Amino acid sequence: MKSPLGQLAKQTGFYAVGNIAIKAAGLLLAPFYLNTALLPQESFGQLILLEATAQLCIVIAGFGLRSGLMKYMTDPAYKEKSDSLSFTAFISVLLTAGVLALFFWLTASHIASILLEDRNLATVIRLIAVYILFKTIASIPLILMRIQERAGLFVLATIGELLALIGGVYYFLVVMEMGLEGVLWAFVLSSFLSAFILSSVLLLSVRWRFEIPIIPKLIAFGLPIVFAGLASQVLNVGDRYILQWLTDAETVAVYGWGARIGGVINMLFVQSFHFAFIVIGLKTISADPENVHLYRRTFRHFVIWTGWAVLILTLITYDITNLITDERNYLMAEPLVFLISMGFMSYGIYYIMMNILYARGKSVLIALSVTGAAVFNIGLNIALIPYMGAIGAALATFISYLGLALFTAYNSKHQIEIRYPWRIFILVTVMLFTMYGLSLLSLEWEFVERLFLRGGLIILYPILIVLFRAYNIREIKDGYALIKKQVLGPKDDVVES
């Protein structure tokens, strides 16, 4: 029998490969996006706002059907209705996404005037509406892959869409020199290909059984998750709108670049982990409510390894940015990356706690918690941005995600008692702030001297982890044996750390 922790590590690795591809694509596209001859800084700021809008609208267009599908298809009682659940959710999402896209299409001029302060950009609003439609449609077959734990296929689908996006951006932005509109055409092209292929596979693999009585069940559970997801997106991208309101598109561009780099933590560690953990965690706790060891062990491993990733990412940001672009304004993104990354680490902790509420059907409580955090985040942004600029937005993000994690931990404790090793989180947080503070001494140094100091801090992190007994030597050996087993196949029994 496969261990849940081993399965979690293996599937998280698969999803991480897909997310690495996403970030690699972002790195390949960065020289084009940050080249002001191809895409002015103001246009890049507008692109950041359009991407944020798309993320929010994809959640709305899904209407909770994806979350409901996740809940009921992991429930053994609904095993015989898998085809009905899949097909009904797909057709329903097709309708809801179509209605939202039509609304955007008809009101494009007004939205462009409000969002981008330029009524003449109605075409890019219509393009983003089509992109939202295709991405929402593709979300159903993608979530089915996650439910069925077919992480490899999920990754292949992700990489295929990214290759189409890179090709599209190169053609429309670099060759055709279409600017912001060209980038949006690339978005539409890649999302269409993904939606068409994935939808075709789904429709050919399930019986077409549309059952209207299933829809209220999916929506009843999933609709509160929509509000939670919407509030979560506000936490993630809402500060772009407030920055645009209180500052300008150029500041949004710098913040957007910092958020893209900080998003590496979200994509590789938080979302990759979440995609695997929500399914395995739900199945584990549903089969045995007393089996909480997976949750406790996962908390510790996640904090330690994500903390190291936060440090590495932050300390290489300055030189990577300097290598990619000659625009000096983008170098101001480094402190933003640190605070945003710390926020995402807290977000990953929230997902561990949230899974308990999810398993207990507390979707309303989840929605209220995330909504409260989003409202708090908006207030913090409005209070801090006028005095601290983009740094205020990043700080608000970190504080809000941390508050959400702590509040969710308090609520989940009333459902299932789990003694999480909070000492590890405090230790890692103190280490990260201290080591980043030391790294700031090297900002004006020559590259080699800065590399020496920052590389030393990166190497020092795992040493301190062992010295402060977050891990001991036996656990490191057992962890290595477990990883070796997952990569090479089972040979000997190993002890899970």
Protein backbone atom coordinates (compact mmCIF):
# COMPACT_ATOMS: atom_id res chain seq x y z
CA MET A 1 0.00 0.00 0.00
CA LYS A 2 1.35 3.40 -0.99
CA SER A 3 1.96 5.80 1.86
CA PRO A 4 -0.04 9.08 1.73
CA LEU A 5 3.11 11.12 2.40
CA GLY A 6 4.96 9.37 -0.43
CA GLN A 7 2.03 9.92 -2.79
CA LEU A 8 1.84 13.55 -1.72
CA ALA A 9 5.55 14.06 -2.43
CA LYS A 10 5.32 12.30 -5.79
CA GLN A 11 2.25 14.18 -7.04
CA THR A 12 3.50 17.49 -5.68
CA GLY A 13 6.64 16.84 -7.72
CA PHE A 14 4.58 16.28 -10.87
CA TYR A 15 2.59 19.46 -10.35
CA ALA A 16 5.80 21.31 -9.57
CA VAL A 17 7.18 20.25 -12.96
CA GLY A 18 4.15 21.83 -14.60
CA ASN A 19 4.53 24.97 -12.56
CA ILE A 20 8.25 25.10 -13.27
CA ALA A 21 7.28 25.07 -16.94
CA ILE A 22 4.90 27.98 -16.29
CA LYS A 23 7.61 29.99 -14.59
CA ALA A 24 10.18 29.01 -17.22
CA ALA A 25 7.76 30.32 -19.83
CA GLY A 26 7.46 33.52 -17.82
CA LEU A 27 11.24 33.82 -17.76
CA LEU A 28 11.42 33.31 -21.52
CA LEU A 29 8.74 35.94 -22.07
CA ALA A 30 10.20 38.43 -19.56
CA PRO A 31 12.76 39.93 -22.00
CA PHE A 32 9.86 40.72 -24.35
CA TYR A 33 7.51 42.04 -21.66
CA LEU A 34 10.22 44.18 -20.04
CA ASN A 35 11.51 45.51 -23.37
CA THR A 36 9.95 48.97 -23.48
CA ALA A 37 10.47 49.13 -27.26
CA LEU A 38 8.03 46.21 -27.65
CA LEU A 39 5.78 46.81 -24.64
CA PRO A 40 5.96 50.19 -22.85
CA GLN A 41 6.06 50.08 -19.05
CA GLU A 42 2.53 51.51 -18.96
CA SER A 43 1.28 48.71 -21.25
CA PHE A 44 2.94 46.09 -19.05
CA GLY A 45 1.12 47.61 -16.08
CA GLN A 46 -2.14 47.34 -18.05
CA LEU A 47 -1.35 43.71 -18.83
CA ILE A 48 -0.90 43.06 -15.10
CA LEU A 49 -4.38 44.53 -14.48
CA LEU A 50 -5.92 42.44 -17.28
CA GLU A 51 -4.35 39.25 -15.94
CA ALA A 52 -5.67 40.07 -12.48
CA THR A 53 -9.14 40.64 -13.91
CA ALA A 54 -9.00 37.32 -15.75
CA GLN A 55 -8.07 35.46 -12.56
CA LEU A 56 -11.01 36.99 -10.72
CA CYS A 57 -13.48 36.31 -13.52
CA ILE A 58 -12.42 32.68 -14.04
CA VAL A 59 -13.38 32.04 -10.41
CA ILE A 60 -16.76 33.76 -10.92
CA ALA A 61 -17.46 31.98 -14.21
CA GLY A 62 -16.85 28.60 -12.59
CA PHE A 63 -19.82 29.28 -10.28
CA GLY A 64 -18.54 26.81 -7.68
CA LEU A 65 -19.06 23.83 -9.97
CA ARG A 66 -15.39 22.83 -9.88
CA SER A 67 -15.29 22.79 -6.09
CA GLY A 68 -18.54 20.83 -5.94
CA LEU A 69 -17.11 18.35 -8.42
CA MET A 70 -14.00 17.93 -6.27
CA LYS A 71 -16.11 17.32 -3.15
CA TYR A 72 -18.52 14.75 -4.57
CA MET A 73 -16.12 12.85 -6.82
CA THR A 74 -13.86 12.15 -3.84
CA ASP A 75 -16.89 10.90 -1.88
CA PRO A 76 -17.29 7.07 -2.17
CA ALA A 77 -21.09 7.47 -1.95
CA TYR A 78 -21.11 9.15 -5.40
CA LYS A 79 -18.76 6.73 -7.14
CA GLU A 80 -21.49 5.44 -9.47
CA LYS A 81 -22.39 8.94 -10.60
CA SER A 82 -18.94 9.99 -11.82
CA ASP A 83 -20.03 10.34 -15.47
CA SER A 84 -23.11 12.35 -14.54
CA LEU A 85 -21.11 14.61 -12.26
CA SER A 86 -18.43 15.23 -14.91
CA PHE A 87 -20.73 15.88 -17.86
CA THR A 88 -23.24 17.95 -15.90
CA ALA A 89 -20.49 20.16 -14.44
CA PHE A 90 -18.92 20.63 -17.89
CA ILE A 91 -22.16 21.72 -19.60
CA SER A 92 -23.06 23.99 -16.69
CA VAL A 93 -19.67 25.71 -16.74
CA LEU A 94 -19.97 26.17 -20.49
CA LEU A 95 -23.19 28.11 -19.94
CA THR A 96 -22.03 30.24 -16.99
CA ALA A 97 -18.74 31.16 -18.66
CA GLY A 98 -20.54 32.01 -21.89
CA VAL A 99 -22.86 34.42 -20.11
CA LEU A 100 -19.97 36.22 -18.40
CA ALA A 101 -17.96 36.46 -21.65
CA LEU A 102 -20.99 37.90 -23.44
CA PHE A 103 -21.38 40.55 -20.74
CA PHE A 104 -17.73 41.58 -21.15
CA TRP A 105 -18.07 41.66 -24.92
CA LEU A 106 -21.11 43.96 -24.86
CA THR A 107 -19.73 46.36 -22.24
CA ALA A 108 -16.08 46.35 -23.38
CA SER A 109 -15.82 50.12 -23.92
CA HIS A 110 -17.15 50.93 -20.47
CA ILE A 111 -14.88 48.36 -18.78
CA ALA A 112 -11.85 49.69 -20.68
CA SER A 113 -12.67 53.21 -19.53
CA ILE A 114 -12.93 52.16 -15.88
CA LEU A 115 -10.14 49.57 -15.68
CA LEU A 116 -7.53 50.96 -18.09
CA GLU A 117 -8.66 54.59 -18.22
CA ASP A 118 -8.79 54.36 -22.01
CA ARG A 119 -12.07 53.70 -23.82
CA ASN A 120 -10.16 52.94 -27.03
CA LEU A 121 -8.82 49.71 -25.51
CA ALA A 122 -12.18 47.92 -25.87
CA THR A 123 -10.57 45.36 -28.19
CA VAL A 124 -8.23 44.06 -25.48
CA ILE A 125 -11.21 43.75 -23.10
CA ARG A 126 -13.03 41.59 -25.66
CA LEU A 127 -9.91 39.47 -26.09
CA ILE A 128 -9.55 38.94 -22.35
CA ALA A 129 -13.25 37.96 -22.25
CA VAL A 130 -12.65 35.20 -24.80
CA TYR A 131 -9.58 34.08 -22.84
CA ILE A 132 -11.69 33.84 -19.66
CA LEU A 133 -14.25 31.73 -21.53
CA PHE A 134 -11.69 29.20 -22.80
CA LYS A 135 -9.80 28.98 -19.49
CA THR A 136 -13.02 28.34 -17.57
CA ILE A 137 -14.11 25.60 -19.98
CA ALA A 138 -10.72 23.89 -19.70
CA SER A 139 -10.88 23.97 -15.90
CA ILE A 140 -13.35 21.06 -15.70
CA PRO A 141 -11.24 18.44 -17.54
CA LEU A 142 -8.18 19.71 -15.67
CA ILE A 143 -9.81 19.29 -12.27
CA LEU A 144 -10.91 15.78 -13.27
CA MET A 145 -7.27 14.92 -13.90
CA ARG A 146 -6.45 16.10 -10.37
CA ILE A 147 -9.30 14.09 -8.85
CA GLN A 148 -8.15 10.98 -10.70
CA GLU A 149 -4.56 11.73 -9.55
CA ARG A 150 -3.35 11.83 -13.17
CA ALA A 151 -0.76 14.45 -12.45
CA GLY A 152 1.38 13.51 -15.45
CA LEU A 153 -1.41 14.27 -17.94
CA PHE A 154 -2.15 17.51 -16.10
CA VAL A 155 1.46 18.57 -16.57
CA LEU A 156 1.47 17.65 -20.27
CA ALA A 157 -1.65 19.73 -20.83
CA THR A 158 -0.08 22.67 -19.01
CA ILE A 159 3.14 22.50 -21.00
CA GLY A 160 1.26 22.25 -24.30
CA GLU A 161 -0.66 25.44 -23.57
CA LEU A 162 2.56 27.22 -22.54
CA LEU A 163 4.34 26.32 -25.77
CA ALA A 164 1.42 27.77 -27.72
CA LEU A 165 1.54 30.92 -25.55
CA ILE A 166 5.28 31.45 -26.08
CA GLY A 167 4.92 30.99 -29.83
CA GLY A 168 1.95 33.34 -29.92
CA VAL A 169 3.66 36.09 -27.92
CA TYR A 170 6.75 35.88 -30.11
CA TYR A 171 4.71 36.12 -33.30
CA PHE A 172 2.19 38.79 -32.31
CA LEU A 173 4.45 40.92 -30.08
CA VAL A 174 7.92 40.54 -31.62
CA VAL A 175 7.24 39.76 -35.29
CA MET A 176 3.98 41.65 -35.81
CA GLU A 177 4.78 44.35 -33.22
CA MET A 178 1.15 44.48 -32.05
CA GLY A 179 1.97 45.55 -28.48
CA LEU A 180 -0.55 44.83 -25.73
CA GLU A 181 -3.19 43.65 -28.20
CA GLY A 182 -0.71 41.13 -29.62
CA VAL A 183 -0.05 39.64 -26.17
CA LEU A 184 -3.81 39.20 -25.68
CA TRP A 185 -4.13 37.45 -29.05
CA ALA A 186 -1.47 35.00 -27.87
CA PHE A 187 -3.49 34.42 -24.68
CA VAL A 188 -6.60 33.64 -26.72
CA LEU A 189 -4.80 31.31 -29.10
CA SER A 190 -3.15 29.22 -26.39
CA SER A 191 -6.29 28.97 -24.23
CA PHE A 192 -8.42 27.97 -27.23
CA LEU A 193 -6.10 25.10 -28.17
CA SER A 194 -6.03 23.88 -24.56
CA ALA A 195 -9.82 24.10 -24.11
CA PHE A 196 -10.52 22.38 -27.44
CA ILE A 197 -8.20 19.42 -26.83
CA LEU A 198 -9.10 18.89 -23.17
CA SER A 199 -12.83 19.21 -23.77
CA SER A 200 -12.66 16.74 -26.65
CA VAL A 201 -10.89 14.20 -24.45
CA LEU A 202 -13.47 14.63 -21.69
CA LEU A 203 -16.47 14.31 -24.01
CA LEU A 204 -15.03 11.18 -25.62
CA SER A 205 -14.25 9.50 -22.29
CA VAL A 206 -17.52 9.92 -20.35
CA ARG A 207 -21.14 9.06 -21.02
CA TRP A 208 -23.21 12.13 -21.82
CA ARG A 209 -25.51 12.05 -18.80
CA PHE A 210 -26.82 15.49 -17.90
CA GLU A 211 -28.74 15.35 -14.61
CA ILE A 212 -30.34 18.62 -13.55
CA PRO A 213 -30.81 17.48 -9.88
CA ILE A 214 -27.02 17.26 -9.56
CA ILE A 215 -26.54 20.97 -10.30
CA PRO A 216 -28.01 22.29 -7.00
CA LYS A 217 -25.77 19.87 -5.07
CA LEU A 218 -22.66 21.08 -6.85
CA ILE A 219 -23.59 24.72 -6.49
CA ALA A 220 -24.77 24.43 -2.86
CA PHE A 221 -21.35 23.21 -1.80
CA GLY A 222 -19.30 25.11 -4.35
CA LEU A 223 -20.90 28.57 -4.34
CA PRO A 224 -19.45 29.54 -0.94
CA ILE A 225 -16.11 28.35 -2.29
CA VAL A 226 -16.60 30.79 -5.18
CA PHE A 227 -16.75 33.62 -2.66
CA ALA A 228 -13.72 32.15 -0.91
CA GLY A 229 -11.91 31.82 -4.23
CA LEU A 230 -12.90 35.32 -5.27
CA ALA A 231 -11.74 36.72 -1.94
CA SER A 232 -8.55 34.68 -2.32
CA GLN A 233 -7.94 36.25 -5.71
CA VAL A 234 -8.56 39.69 -4.21
CA LEU A 235 -5.87 38.82 -1.65
CA ASN A 236 -3.57 37.78 -4.47
CA VAL A 237 -4.21 40.43 -7.12
CA GLY A 238 -6.48 43.10 -5.61
CA ASP A 239 -3.54 45.29 -4.63
CA ARG A 240 -2.86 45.93 -8.35
CA TYR A 241 -6.14 47.81 -8.63
CA ILE A 242 -5.46 49.88 -5.51
CA LEU A 243 -1.95 50.69 -6.72
CA GLN A 244 -3.40 51.84 -10.05
CA TRP A 245 -5.90 53.99 -8.14
CA LEU A 246 -3.42 55.54 -5.69
CA THR A 247 -0.28 55.62 -7.86
CA ASP A 248 0.16 54.91 -11.59
CA ALA A 249 0.54 52.14 -14.18
CA GLU A 250 4.35 52.32 -13.96
CA THR A 251 4.25 51.45 -10.25
CA VAL A 252 1.84 48.63 -11.05
CA ALA A 253 4.38 47.36 -13.59
CA VAL A 254 7.20 47.21 -11.00
CA TYR A 255 4.91 45.58 -8.46
CA GLY A 256 3.68 43.19 -11.14
CA TRP A 257 7.24 42.13 -11.89
CA GLY A 258 7.91 41.55 -8.20
CA ALA A 259 4.69 39.56 -7.92
CA ARG A 260 5.64 37.44 -10.92
CA ILE A 261 8.93 36.48 -9.29
CA GLY A 262 7.35 36.01 -5.86
CA GLY A 263 4.71 33.94 -7.60
CA VAL A 264 7.36 31.26 -8.10
CA ILE A 265 6.73 30.30 -4.47
CA ASN A 266 3.00 30.23 -5.09
CA MET A 267 3.27 28.12 -8.23
CA LEU A 268 6.05 25.69 -7.30
CA PHE A 269 5.38 25.20 -3.60
CA VAL A 270 1.89 26.40 -2.68
CA GLN A 271 -0.25 25.49 -5.71
CA SER A 272 1.72 22.34 -6.62
CA PHE A 273 1.41 21.20 -3.02
CA HIS A 274 -2.26 22.21 -2.81
CA PHE A 275 -3.23 20.38 -6.01
CA ALA A 276 -1.88 17.13 -4.56
CA PHE A 277 -2.71 17.64 -0.88
CA ILE A 278 -6.38 18.57 -1.25
CA VAL A 279 -7.15 15.20 -2.89
CA ILE A 280 -4.85 13.01 -0.76
CA GLY A 281 -5.70 14.90 2.43
CA LEU A 282 -9.45 14.58 1.80
CA LYS A 283 -9.22 10.88 1.04
CA THR A 284 -7.03 10.25 4.11
CA ILE A 285 -9.24 12.13 6.57
CA SER A 286 -12.46 10.70 5.04
CA ALA A 287 -11.19 7.14 5.43
CA ASP A 288 -9.98 7.70 9.02
CA PRO A 289 -10.78 10.97 10.87
CA GLU A 290 -8.21 10.06 13.53
CA ASN A 291 -5.38 9.81 11.02
CA VAL A 292 -3.87 13.29 11.42
CA HIS A 293 -0.19 12.34 11.18
CA LEU A 294 -0.10 13.32 7.51
CA TYR A 295 -1.23 16.85 8.35
CA ARG A 296 1.29 17.35 11.14
CA ARG A 297 4.24 16.00 9.15
CA THR A 298 3.22 17.94 6.06
CA PHE A 299 3.15 21.22 8.02
CA ARG A 300 6.74 20.83 9.16
CA HIS A 301 8.17 19.76 5.83
CA PHE A 302 6.29 22.46 3.93
CA VAL A 303 7.48 25.29 6.18
CA ILE A 304 11.15 24.23 6.17
CA TRP A 305 11.51 23.66 2.43
CA THR A 306 9.34 26.58 1.35
CA GLY A 307 11.28 28.86 3.68
CA TRP A 308 14.54 27.90 1.98
CA ALA A 309 12.96 28.55 -1.42
CA VAL A 310 11.81 32.01 -0.25
CA LEU A 311 15.38 32.87 0.76
CA ILE A 312 16.94 31.59 -2.49
CA LEU A 313 14.39 33.34 -4.70
CA THR A 314 14.72 36.66 -2.90
CA LEU A 315 18.51 36.69 -2.94
CA ILE A 316 18.77 36.05 -6.69
CA THR A 317 16.05 38.53 -7.72
CA TYR A 318 18.28 41.60 -8.05
CA ASP A 319 20.81 40.00 -10.38
CA ILE A 320 18.22 38.13 -12.47
CA THR A 321 16.32 41.37 -13.04
CA ASN A 322 19.55 43.19 -13.87
CA LEU A 323 20.34 40.50 -16.43
CA ILE A 324 16.92 40.58 -18.12
CA THR A 325 16.28 44.31 -18.50
CA ASP A 326 18.11 47.62 -18.70
CA GLU A 327 15.16 49.42 -17.11
CA ARG A 328 16.48 50.29 -13.61
CA ASN A 329 13.02 50.78 -12.12
CA TYR A 330 12.42 47.02 -12.13
CA LEU A 331 15.36 46.51 -9.72
CA MET A 332 13.14 47.96 -7.00
CA ALA A 333 11.20 44.68 -7.00
CA GLU A 334 13.53 42.76 -4.62
CA PRO A 335 11.93 43.72 -1.26
CA LEU A 336 8.53 43.16 -2.85
CA VAL A 337 9.57 39.61 -3.76
CA PHE A 338 10.58 38.85 -0.16
CA LEU A 339 7.32 40.06 1.42
CA ILE A 340 5.11 38.54 -1.28
CA SER A 341 6.95 35.20 -0.99
CA MET A 342 6.53 35.21 2.79
CA GLY A 343 2.84 35.81 2.23
CA PHE A 344 2.61 32.82 -0.09
CA MET A 345 4.37 30.61 2.48
CA SER A 346 1.63 31.58 4.94
CA TYR A 347 -0.93 30.84 2.23
CA GLY A 348 0.40 27.29 1.94
CA ILE A 349 -0.08 26.84 5.70
CA TYR A 350 -3.65 28.08 5.29
CA TYR A 351 -4.30 25.33 2.72
CA ILE A 352 -3.28 22.65 5.21
CA MET A 353 -5.73 23.99 7.79
CA MET A 354 -8.43 24.67 5.21
CA ASN A 355 -8.45 21.02 4.13
CA ILE A 356 -9.91 20.07 7.52
CA LEU A 357 -12.78 22.53 7.06
CA TYR A 358 -13.25 21.29 3.48
CA ALA A 359 -13.52 17.68 4.66
CA ARG A 360 -16.11 18.69 7.25
CA GLY A 361 -18.21 20.50 4.63
CA LYS A 362 -17.59 23.92 6.21
CA SER A 363 -17.52 25.77 2.89
CA VAL A 364 -19.41 28.76 4.32
CA LEU A 365 -16.82 29.15 7.09
CA ILE A 366 -14.04 28.96 4.50
CA ALA A 367 -15.73 31.67 2.45
CA LEU A 368 -16.22 33.94 5.46
CA SER A 369 -12.61 33.51 6.56
CA VAL A 370 -11.11 34.36 3.18
CA THR A 371 -13.56 37.20 2.62
CA GLY A 372 -12.61 38.69 5.98
CA ALA A 373 -8.92 38.44 5.06
CA ALA A 374 -9.59 40.09 1.69
CA VAL A 375 -11.46 43.00 3.29
CA PHE A 376 -8.65 43.38 5.83
CA ASN A 377 -6.13 43.34 2.97
CA ILE A 378 -7.98 46.09 1.10
CA GLY A 379 -8.00 48.25 4.23
CA LEU A 380 -4.28 47.68 4.79
CA ASN A 381 -3.47 48.54 1.19
CA ILE A 382 -5.41 51.79 1.36
CA ALA A 383 -3.69 52.67 4.64
CA LEU A 384 -0.12 51.73 3.65
CA ILE A 385 0.24 52.50 -0.06
CA PRO A 386 0.02 56.33 0.25
CA TYR A 387 3.00 56.24 2.68
CA MET A 388 5.00 53.20 1.52
CA GLY A 389 4.02 52.76 -2.13
CA ALA A 390 4.49 49.27 -3.57
CA ILE A 391 6.26 48.13 -0.37
CA GLY A 392 3.03 48.87 1.52
CA ALA A 393 1.07 46.63 -0.86
CA ALA A 394 3.55 43.77 -0.41
CA LEU A 395 3.54 44.16 3.38
CA ALA A 396 -0.27 44.14 3.38
CA THR A 397 -0.18 40.89 1.39
CA PHE A 398 2.11 39.18 3.90
CA ILE A 399 0.15 40.32 6.97
CA SER A 400 -3.19 39.33 5.42
CA TYR A 401 -2.07 35.82 4.40
CA LEU A 402 -0.52 35.24 7.81
CA GLY A 403 -3.72 36.37 9.53
CA LEU A 404 -5.78 34.07 7.32
CA ALA A 405 -3.57 31.08 8.17
CA LEU A 406 -3.78 31.72 11.91
CA PHE A 407 -7.53 32.30 11.88
CA THR A 408 -8.13 29.13 9.84
CA ALA A 409 -5.89 27.17 12.21
CA TYR A 410 -8.07 28.34 15.10
CA ASN A 411 -11.28 27.28 13.31
CA SER A 412 -9.95 23.92 12.15
CA LYS A 413 -8.90 23.10 15.71
CA HIS A 414 -12.58 22.94 16.66
CA GLN A 415 -13.16 20.30 13.97
CA ILE A 416 -10.15 18.02 14.51
CA GLU A 417 -7.45 18.55 17.13
CA ILE A 418 -4.01 18.56 15.48
CA ARG A 419 -0.88 19.72 17.28
CA TYR A 420 1.04 21.47 14.55
CA PRO A 421 4.74 22.28 15.19
CA TRP A 422 4.33 26.06 15.25
CA ARG A 423 7.83 26.36 16.73
CA ILE A 424 9.18 25.48 13.30
CA PHE A 425 7.21 28.26 11.63
CA ILE A 426 8.44 30.85 14.13
CA LEU A 427 12.04 29.64 13.78
CA VAL A 428 11.96 29.78 9.98
CA THR A 429 10.30 33.21 9.92
CA VAL A 430 12.88 34.73 12.26
CA MET A 431 15.71 33.17 10.25
CA LEU A 432 14.36 34.51 6.96
CA PHE A 433 13.90 38.09 8.15
CA THR A 434 17.35 38.10 9.75
CA MET A 435 19.12 36.62 6.73
CA TYR A 436 17.35 38.90 4.27
CA GLY A 437 18.30 41.90 6.42
CA LEU A 438 21.94 40.84 6.25
CA SER A 439 21.74 40.42 2.48
CA LEU A 440 20.73 44.07 2.05
CA LEU A 441 24.30 45.07 2.95
CA SER A 442 25.42 43.75 -0.45
CA LEU A 443 23.09 45.75 -2.74
CA GLU A 444 25.79 48.27 -3.71
CA TRP A 445 28.61 45.71 -3.84
CA GLU A 446 30.18 44.28 -6.97
CA PHE A 447 28.53 41.17 -8.40
CA VAL A 448 31.15 38.67 -7.16
CA GLU A 449 31.16 40.07 -3.61
CA ARG A 450 27.35 40.09 -3.52
CA LEU A 451 27.27 36.52 -4.84
CA PHE A 452 29.70 35.40 -2.13
CA LEU A 453 27.62 36.85 0.73
CA ARG A 454 24.24 35.80 -0.60
CA GLY A 455 25.41 32.35 -1.62
CA GLY A 456 26.82 31.89 1.89
CA LEU A 457 23.46 32.82 3.44
CA ILE A 458 21.68 30.30 1.20
CA ILE A 459 24.10 27.53 2.27
CA LEU A 460 23.83 28.59 5.91
CA TYR A 461 20.04 28.06 6.01
CA PRO A 462 19.98 24.20 6.03
CA ILE A 463 22.88 24.17 8.49
CA LEU A 464 20.88 26.33 10.92
CA ILE A 465 17.83 24.12 10.39
CA VAL A 466 19.81 21.15 11.71
CA LEU A 467 21.53 23.14 14.48
CA PHE A 468 18.18 24.37 15.77
CA ARG A 469 16.83 20.79 15.60
CA ALA A 470 14.08 21.45 13.10
CA TYR A 471 15.44 18.26 11.53
CA ASN A 472 17.79 15.74 13.09
CA ILE A 473 20.35 13.57 11.31
CA ARG A 474 18.18 10.43 11.40
CA GLU A 475 15.28 12.27 9.78
CA ILE A 476 17.55 13.55 7.02
CA LYS A 477 18.74 10.00 6.30
CA ASP A 478 15.18 8.66 6.32
CA GLY A 479 14.04 11.51 4.10
CA TYR A 480 16.80 10.77 1.61
CA ALA A 481 15.84 7.08 1.61
CA LEU A 482 12.19 7.99 1.02
CA ILE A 483 13.07 10.25 -1.93
CA LYS A 484 15.33 7.55 -3.35
CA LYS A 485 12.49 5.04 -3.06
CA GLN A 486 10.08 7.34 -4.90
CA VAL A 487 12.57 7.99 -7.70
CA LEU A 488 14.13 4.55 -8.13
CA GLY A 489 11.29 2.34 -6.89
CA PRO A 490 10.82 0.35 -3.65
CA LYS A 491 13.71 -1.79 -2.53
CA ASP A 492 13.76 -1.63 1.22
CA ASP A 493 11.29 -0.41 3.79
CA VAL A 494 11.94 3.13 4.93
CA VAL A 495 10.68 5.12 7.85
CA GLU A 496 8.54 8.17 7.08
CA SER A 497 9.89 11.27 8.71
